[in-house]
N, C-alpha and C. Protein backbone atom coordinates (compact mmCIF):
# COMPACT_ATOMS: atom_id res chain seq x y z
N MET A 1 120.42 33.67 29.36
CA MET A 1 119.36 32.70 29.44
C MET A 1 118.35 33.06 28.37
N ASN A 2 118.20 32.18 27.37
CA ASN A 2 117.33 32.43 26.24
C ASN A 2 116.13 31.49 26.34
N LEU A 3 115.02 31.93 26.91
CA LEU A 3 113.84 31.10 27.08
C LEU A 3 112.72 31.58 26.19
N GLN A 4 111.90 30.67 25.74
CA GLN A 4 110.71 31.00 24.95
C GLN A 4 109.70 31.69 25.87
N PRO A 5 108.73 32.42 25.31
CA PRO A 5 107.76 33.14 26.16
C PRO A 5 106.97 32.20 27.09
N LYS A 6 106.54 31.05 26.61
CA LYS A 6 105.78 30.14 27.46
C LYS A 6 106.67 29.57 28.56
N ALA A 7 107.91 29.26 28.21
CA ALA A 7 108.84 28.73 29.20
C ALA A 7 109.17 29.79 30.22
N LEU A 8 109.24 31.07 29.78
CA LEU A 8 109.53 32.17 30.69
C LEU A 8 108.41 32.34 31.70
N LEU A 9 107.15 32.24 31.25
CA LEU A 9 106.01 32.33 32.15
C LEU A 9 106.00 31.16 33.13
N LEU A 10 106.32 29.97 32.65
CA LEU A 10 106.38 28.80 33.51
C LEU A 10 107.49 28.96 34.55
N ALA A 11 108.63 29.44 34.12
CA ALA A 11 109.75 29.65 35.04
C ALA A 11 109.39 30.69 36.10
N ALA A 12 108.70 31.76 35.69
CA ALA A 12 108.30 32.80 36.64
C ALA A 12 107.30 32.24 37.64
N GLY A 13 106.36 31.46 37.16
CA GLY A 13 105.36 30.86 38.05
C GLY A 13 106.00 29.90 39.03
N LEU A 14 106.93 29.11 38.58
CA LEU A 14 107.60 28.17 39.47
C LEU A 14 108.51 28.90 40.46
N ALA A 15 109.13 29.98 40.01
CA ALA A 15 110.00 30.75 40.90
C ALA A 15 109.18 31.37 42.02
N LEU A 16 107.96 31.84 41.68
CA LEU A 16 107.09 32.39 42.71
C LEU A 16 106.65 31.31 43.69
N ALA A 17 106.50 30.08 43.19
CA ALA A 17 106.07 28.97 44.05
C ALA A 17 107.24 28.43 44.86
N GLY A 18 108.43 28.89 44.60
CA GLY A 18 109.58 28.45 45.38
C GLY A 18 110.34 27.30 44.74
N ALA A 19 110.05 26.99 43.52
CA ALA A 19 110.74 25.89 42.83
C ALA A 19 111.87 26.46 41.99
N THR A 20 112.86 25.64 41.72
CA THR A 20 113.95 26.07 40.86
C THR A 20 113.71 25.51 39.47
N VAL A 21 114.11 26.26 38.47
CA VAL A 21 113.91 25.86 37.08
C VAL A 21 115.27 25.70 36.43
N PRO A 22 115.52 24.55 35.83
CA PRO A 22 116.79 24.40 35.12
C PRO A 22 116.77 25.23 33.85
N THR A 23 117.94 25.68 33.44
CA THR A 23 118.01 26.50 32.23
C THR A 23 117.79 25.67 30.98
N ALA A 24 118.21 24.46 30.96
CA ALA A 24 117.99 23.60 29.80
C ALA A 24 117.08 22.46 30.25
N ALA A 25 116.03 22.23 29.53
CA ALA A 25 115.07 21.19 29.92
C ALA A 25 115.53 19.84 29.38
N HIS A 26 115.90 18.95 30.29
CA HIS A 26 116.30 17.60 29.94
C HIS A 26 115.39 16.65 30.71
N ALA A 27 114.60 15.93 30.00
CA ALA A 27 113.68 14.99 30.66
C ALA A 27 114.23 13.58 30.54
N GLN A 28 114.21 12.90 31.65
CA GLN A 28 114.60 11.50 31.66
C GLN A 28 113.48 10.71 32.31
N VAL A 29 113.09 9.67 31.65
CA VAL A 29 112.05 8.83 32.18
C VAL A 29 112.63 7.44 32.35
N GLY A 30 112.50 6.91 33.53
CA GLY A 30 112.97 5.55 33.78
C GLY A 30 111.78 4.65 34.04
N ILE A 31 111.76 3.53 33.41
CA ILE A 31 110.70 2.56 33.63
C ILE A 31 111.32 1.29 34.16
N ASN A 32 110.84 0.85 35.28
CA ASN A 32 111.33 -0.37 35.89
C ASN A 32 110.16 -1.35 35.94
N ILE A 33 110.21 -2.35 35.12
CA ILE A 33 109.13 -3.34 35.08
C ILE A 33 109.56 -4.54 35.89
N GLN A 34 108.78 -4.83 36.90
CA GLN A 34 109.04 -6.01 37.72
C GLN A 34 108.02 -7.06 37.32
N LEU A 35 108.49 -8.13 36.71
CA LEU A 35 107.57 -9.18 36.30
C LEU A 35 107.12 -9.95 37.51
N GLY A 36 105.83 -9.99 37.69
CA GLY A 36 105.28 -10.72 38.80
C GLY A 36 104.88 -12.11 38.35
N HIS A 37 104.25 -12.80 39.23
CA HIS A 37 103.77 -14.12 38.90
C HIS A 37 102.26 -14.11 39.00
N PRO A 38 101.58 -15.02 38.29
CA PRO A 38 100.13 -15.06 38.37
C PRO A 38 99.69 -15.49 39.77
N ALA A 39 98.47 -15.16 40.11
CA ALA A 39 97.95 -15.48 41.45
C ALA A 39 97.96 -16.98 41.72
N TRP A 40 97.85 -17.79 40.67
CA TRP A 40 97.79 -19.24 40.85
C TRP A 40 99.17 -19.89 40.93
N GLY A 41 100.23 -19.12 40.76
CA GLY A 41 101.57 -19.70 40.74
C GLY A 41 102.41 -19.29 41.92
N PRO A 42 103.47 -20.05 42.18
CA PRO A 42 104.37 -19.70 43.28
C PRO A 42 105.23 -18.49 42.93
N ALA A 43 105.81 -17.89 43.94
CA ALA A 43 106.72 -16.77 43.73
C ALA A 43 107.91 -17.24 42.91
N VAL A 44 108.44 -16.35 42.10
CA VAL A 44 109.56 -16.72 41.24
C VAL A 44 110.80 -15.92 41.61
N PRO A 45 111.97 -16.54 41.54
CA PRO A 45 113.19 -15.78 41.80
C PRO A 45 113.47 -14.80 40.65
N ALA A 46 114.29 -13.81 40.92
CA ALA A 46 114.64 -12.82 39.91
C ALA A 46 115.23 -13.52 38.69
N GLY A 47 114.76 -13.14 37.52
CA GLY A 47 115.28 -13.69 36.28
C GLY A 47 114.54 -14.92 35.78
N ALA A 48 113.63 -15.49 36.56
CA ALA A 48 112.89 -16.67 36.11
C ALA A 48 111.94 -16.28 34.99
N GLN A 49 111.82 -17.15 34.00
CA GLN A 49 110.97 -16.84 32.85
C GLN A 49 109.79 -17.79 32.69
N TYR A 50 109.91 -19.02 33.19
CA TYR A 50 108.89 -20.01 32.88
C TYR A 50 108.51 -20.87 34.08
N TYR A 51 107.26 -21.32 34.05
CA TYR A 51 106.80 -22.42 34.88
C TYR A 51 106.64 -23.63 33.98
N TYR A 52 106.91 -24.81 34.50
CA TYR A 52 106.43 -26.04 33.86
C TYR A 52 105.15 -26.38 34.60
N VAL A 53 104.07 -26.62 33.86
CA VAL A 53 102.77 -26.92 34.47
C VAL A 53 102.44 -28.38 34.18
N PRO A 54 102.57 -29.27 35.18
CA PRO A 54 102.35 -30.69 34.94
C PRO A 54 100.95 -31.02 34.43
N GLU A 55 99.94 -30.29 34.88
CA GLU A 55 98.57 -30.60 34.48
C GLU A 55 98.33 -30.43 32.99
N ILE A 56 99.09 -29.58 32.34
CA ILE A 56 98.95 -29.39 30.89
C ILE A 56 100.15 -29.96 30.14
N ASP A 57 101.12 -30.46 30.89
CA ASP A 57 102.37 -30.98 30.32
C ASP A 57 102.99 -29.95 29.38
N GLY A 58 102.98 -28.70 29.84
CA GLY A 58 103.50 -27.60 29.04
C GLY A 58 104.04 -26.51 29.94
N TYR A 59 104.15 -25.33 29.41
CA TYR A 59 104.81 -24.22 30.09
C TYR A 59 103.91 -23.00 30.20
N TYR A 60 104.28 -22.12 31.13
CA TYR A 60 103.67 -20.81 31.23
C TYR A 60 104.79 -19.79 31.15
N ASP A 61 104.69 -18.86 30.21
CA ASP A 61 105.69 -17.82 29.99
C ASP A 61 105.31 -16.61 30.85
N LEU A 62 106.13 -16.31 31.85
CA LEU A 62 105.83 -15.23 32.78
C LEU A 62 105.87 -13.85 32.11
N ALA A 63 106.79 -13.66 31.17
CA ALA A 63 106.92 -12.36 30.52
C ALA A 63 105.77 -12.12 29.54
N ALA A 64 105.46 -13.10 28.72
CA ALA A 64 104.41 -12.95 27.71
C ALA A 64 103.02 -13.22 28.29
N ARG A 65 102.98 -13.81 29.48
CA ARG A 65 101.73 -14.16 30.15
C ARG A 65 100.85 -15.04 29.29
N ASN A 66 101.47 -16.10 28.76
CA ASN A 66 100.70 -17.08 28.00
C ASN A 66 101.24 -18.49 28.24
N TYR A 67 100.44 -19.45 27.85
CA TYR A 67 100.82 -20.86 27.99
C TYR A 67 101.51 -21.31 26.71
N ILE A 68 102.37 -22.31 26.82
CA ILE A 68 103.01 -22.89 25.65
C ILE A 68 102.76 -24.39 25.74
N VAL A 69 101.98 -24.90 24.80
CA VAL A 69 101.58 -26.30 24.82
C VAL A 69 101.82 -26.94 23.46
N GLN A 70 101.86 -28.26 23.45
CA GLN A 70 102.05 -28.98 22.19
C GLN A 70 100.69 -29.17 21.51
N ARG A 71 100.66 -28.85 20.24
CA ARG A 71 99.49 -29.08 19.39
C ARG A 71 100.01 -29.60 18.05
N ASN A 72 99.62 -30.81 17.71
CA ASN A 72 100.03 -31.43 16.45
C ASN A 72 101.55 -31.43 16.28
N GLY A 73 102.26 -31.73 17.37
CA GLY A 73 103.72 -31.84 17.30
C GLY A 73 104.47 -30.52 17.33
N GLN A 74 103.77 -29.41 17.47
CA GLN A 74 104.40 -28.09 17.50
C GLN A 74 104.12 -27.43 18.85
N TRP A 75 105.06 -26.63 19.34
CA TRP A 75 104.84 -25.87 20.56
C TRP A 75 104.16 -24.57 20.18
N VAL A 76 102.99 -24.33 20.77
CA VAL A 76 102.14 -23.21 20.38
C VAL A 76 101.81 -22.35 21.61
N PRO A 77 101.98 -21.02 21.52
CA PRO A 77 101.56 -20.15 22.62
C PRO A 77 100.04 -19.96 22.60
N MET A 78 99.44 -19.97 23.79
CA MET A 78 97.99 -19.78 23.91
C MET A 78 97.72 -18.85 25.08
N ALA A 79 96.83 -17.89 24.89
CA ALA A 79 96.49 -16.95 25.96
C ALA A 79 95.69 -17.63 27.07
N THR A 80 94.81 -18.54 26.70
CA THR A 80 94.00 -19.27 27.68
C THR A 80 93.95 -20.73 27.27
N LEU A 81 93.56 -21.56 28.22
CA LEU A 81 93.42 -22.99 27.95
C LEU A 81 91.98 -23.40 28.25
N PRO A 82 91.15 -23.51 27.24
CA PRO A 82 89.76 -23.89 27.47
C PRO A 82 89.67 -25.24 28.18
N GLY A 83 88.80 -25.31 29.18
CA GLY A 83 88.60 -26.55 29.90
C GLY A 83 89.50 -26.73 31.10
N TYR A 84 90.41 -25.79 31.34
CA TYR A 84 91.32 -25.88 32.49
C TYR A 84 91.06 -24.72 33.45
N ASN A 85 91.26 -24.99 34.72
CA ASN A 85 91.17 -23.97 35.75
C ASN A 85 92.57 -23.78 36.33
N PRO A 86 93.23 -22.66 36.04
CA PRO A 86 94.59 -22.45 36.54
C PRO A 86 94.72 -22.53 38.06
N ALA A 87 93.63 -22.31 38.78
CA ALA A 87 93.68 -22.39 40.24
C ALA A 87 94.02 -23.80 40.72
N THR A 88 93.81 -24.80 39.85
CA THR A 88 94.10 -26.19 40.23
C THR A 88 95.50 -26.62 39.79
N PHE A 89 96.25 -25.72 39.15
CA PHE A 89 97.59 -26.05 38.66
C PHE A 89 98.59 -26.14 39.81
N HIS A 90 99.64 -26.92 39.58
CA HIS A 90 100.76 -27.04 40.51
C HIS A 90 102.05 -26.73 39.74
N PRO A 91 102.24 -25.47 39.33
CA PRO A 91 103.39 -25.13 38.49
C PRO A 91 104.71 -25.20 39.25
N VAL A 92 105.76 -25.47 38.48
CA VAL A 92 107.11 -25.56 39.02
C VAL A 92 107.98 -24.55 38.27
N VAL A 93 108.71 -23.72 38.99
CA VAL A 93 109.62 -22.77 38.35
C VAL A 93 110.77 -23.56 37.76
N VAL A 94 111.04 -23.36 36.47
CA VAL A 94 112.15 -24.07 35.82
C VAL A 94 113.31 -23.12 35.60
N ASN A 95 114.50 -23.66 35.71
CA ASN A 95 115.72 -22.88 35.56
C ASN A 95 116.12 -22.85 34.09
N TYR A 96 115.40 -22.04 33.33
CA TYR A 96 115.71 -21.90 31.90
C TYR A 96 115.48 -20.44 31.51
N ARG A 97 116.43 -19.89 30.79
CA ARG A 97 116.29 -18.54 30.25
C ARG A 97 116.51 -18.63 28.76
N GLY A 98 115.56 -18.13 28.03
CA GLY A 98 115.65 -18.18 26.58
C GLY A 98 114.26 -18.19 25.97
N ARG A 99 114.18 -18.63 24.73
CA ARG A 99 112.90 -18.57 24.02
C ARG A 99 112.28 -19.94 23.78
N GLN A 100 112.97 -21.02 24.17
CA GLN A 100 112.45 -22.36 23.90
C GLN A 100 112.57 -23.25 25.14
N PRO A 101 111.69 -23.08 26.11
CA PRO A 101 111.80 -23.90 27.32
C PRO A 101 111.63 -25.38 27.05
N TRP A 102 110.99 -25.71 25.94
CA TRP A 102 110.79 -27.12 25.59
C TRP A 102 112.09 -27.82 25.21
N ALA A 103 113.17 -27.07 25.12
CA ALA A 103 114.47 -27.70 24.87
C ALA A 103 114.83 -28.66 26.01
N GLN A 104 114.27 -28.42 27.20
CA GLN A 104 114.51 -29.29 28.35
C GLN A 104 113.25 -30.06 28.73
N TYR A 105 112.33 -30.21 27.78
CA TYR A 105 111.05 -30.84 28.03
C TYR A 105 111.19 -32.26 28.59
N ARG A 106 112.06 -33.06 28.03
CA ARG A 106 112.19 -34.45 28.52
C ARG A 106 112.52 -34.50 30.00
N ASP A 107 113.43 -33.65 30.42
CA ASP A 107 113.81 -33.59 31.84
C ASP A 107 112.63 -33.11 32.69
N HIS A 108 111.98 -32.04 32.27
CA HIS A 108 110.85 -31.50 33.03
C HIS A 108 109.72 -32.52 33.11
N HIS A 109 109.43 -33.16 31.99
CA HIS A 109 108.35 -34.17 31.95
C HIS A 109 108.67 -35.33 32.89
N ALA A 110 109.90 -35.83 32.83
CA ALA A 110 110.30 -36.96 33.67
C ALA A 110 110.26 -36.61 35.15
N ARG A 111 110.63 -35.38 35.50
CA ARG A 111 110.67 -34.98 36.91
C ARG A 111 109.30 -34.64 37.49
N TYR A 112 108.48 -33.92 36.73
CA TYR A 112 107.31 -33.29 37.31
C TYR A 112 105.95 -33.79 36.81
N TYR A 113 105.91 -34.41 35.65
CA TYR A 113 104.60 -34.76 35.08
C TYR A 113 103.90 -35.83 35.91
N ARG A 114 102.66 -35.59 36.22
CA ARG A 114 101.81 -36.57 36.87
C ARG A 114 100.47 -36.52 36.14
N PRO A 115 100.07 -37.64 35.55
CA PRO A 115 98.82 -37.59 34.81
C PRO A 115 97.64 -37.27 35.73
N VAL A 116 96.70 -36.53 35.22
CA VAL A 116 95.52 -36.18 35.97
C VAL A 116 94.54 -37.35 35.89
N VAL A 117 94.13 -37.84 37.04
CA VAL A 117 93.19 -38.95 37.08
C VAL A 117 91.82 -38.39 37.44
N VAL A 118 90.87 -38.63 36.56
CA VAL A 118 89.51 -38.18 36.80
C VAL A 118 88.70 -39.40 37.18
N ARG A 119 88.12 -39.33 38.35
CA ARG A 119 87.31 -40.45 38.82
C ARG A 119 85.84 -40.09 38.73
N GLN A 120 85.08 -41.01 38.21
CA GLN A 120 83.65 -40.81 38.16
C GLN A 120 83.04 -41.66 39.27
N VAL A 121 82.53 -40.99 40.26
CA VAL A 121 82.01 -41.67 41.44
C VAL A 121 80.49 -41.81 41.32
N ASN A 122 80.00 -42.97 41.72
CA ASN A 122 78.56 -43.25 41.78
C ASN A 122 77.86 -43.12 40.43
N ARG A 123 78.50 -43.54 39.39
CA ARG A 123 77.84 -43.56 38.09
C ARG A 123 77.47 -44.99 37.79
N PRO A 124 76.22 -45.26 37.54
CA PRO A 124 75.81 -46.63 37.24
C PRO A 124 76.38 -47.09 35.89
N VAL A 125 76.70 -48.37 35.83
CA VAL A 125 77.23 -48.95 34.60
C VAL A 125 76.20 -49.97 34.11
N LEU A 126 75.78 -49.81 32.88
CA LEU A 126 74.82 -50.73 32.29
C LEU A 126 75.57 -51.86 31.60
N VAL A 127 75.29 -53.10 32.03
CA VAL A 127 75.94 -54.27 31.46
C VAL A 127 74.88 -55.06 30.70
N GLU A 128 75.17 -55.36 29.43
CA GLU A 128 74.24 -56.13 28.61
C GLU A 128 74.89 -57.43 28.16
N ARG A 129 74.12 -58.49 28.23
CA ARG A 129 74.59 -59.76 27.70
C ARG A 129 73.85 -60.00 26.39
N VAL A 130 74.61 -60.33 25.36
CA VAL A 130 74.06 -60.49 24.02
C VAL A 130 74.25 -61.93 23.57
N ASN A 131 73.20 -62.51 22.91
CA ASN A 131 73.33 -63.88 22.41
C ASN A 131 74.04 -63.88 21.07
N ARG A 132 74.14 -65.07 20.44
CA ARG A 132 74.87 -65.19 19.17
C ARG A 132 74.24 -64.41 18.03
N ARG A 133 72.97 -64.16 18.12
CA ARG A 133 72.27 -63.43 17.06
C ARG A 133 72.36 -61.91 17.25
N GLY A 134 73.02 -61.46 18.35
CA GLY A 134 73.16 -60.03 18.62
C GLY A 134 71.98 -59.45 19.38
N GLN A 135 71.13 -60.33 19.91
CA GLN A 135 69.97 -59.85 20.67
C GLN A 135 70.35 -59.73 22.15
N VAL A 136 69.88 -58.68 22.78
CA VAL A 136 70.15 -58.48 24.19
C VAL A 136 69.26 -59.44 24.99
N VAL A 137 69.90 -60.28 25.79
CA VAL A 137 69.14 -61.25 26.58
C VAL A 137 69.13 -60.89 28.07
N GLU A 138 70.01 -60.03 28.49
CA GLU A 138 70.05 -59.64 29.90
C GLU A 138 70.63 -58.23 30.02
N ARG A 139 70.00 -57.43 30.88
CA ARG A 139 70.52 -56.09 31.20
C ARG A 139 70.62 -55.95 32.69
N ARG A 140 71.78 -55.48 33.14
CA ARG A 140 72.00 -55.26 34.57
C ARG A 140 72.65 -53.89 34.78
N VAL A 141 72.36 -53.33 35.92
CA VAL A 141 73.03 -52.09 36.31
C VAL A 141 73.98 -52.42 37.43
N ARG A 142 75.21 -52.12 37.24
CA ARG A 142 76.23 -52.39 38.26
C ARG A 142 76.54 -51.17 39.03
């Protein structure tokens, strides 16, 4: 057994503590990464990679933890979506594995997309009647 002085001291200390020391040091490290889902999304089955998010008409990449949306005809990854609250999303797990979930966009859009309707309640509407000269002759609030 040919050990270096520091290793010999370590082995002696461990032997006194009741531990066994291997003669050859072989370290193995295993990392098991379990991809979870965001708090705002449903649980995903093993191997799922994407949500389709109807509210943004785009995708959420579970592995990269970013959104994929259309901008100027291109699919662009974005870390956040300004103006959106993910807590209001209704994501759907899509059965696609790969790097381009938009390859099935037409199907996902047809199945799941529902336009967001924003209603403005109790907002007065100003109605003006204008004569032929462009002068306002009547104003009403509806």
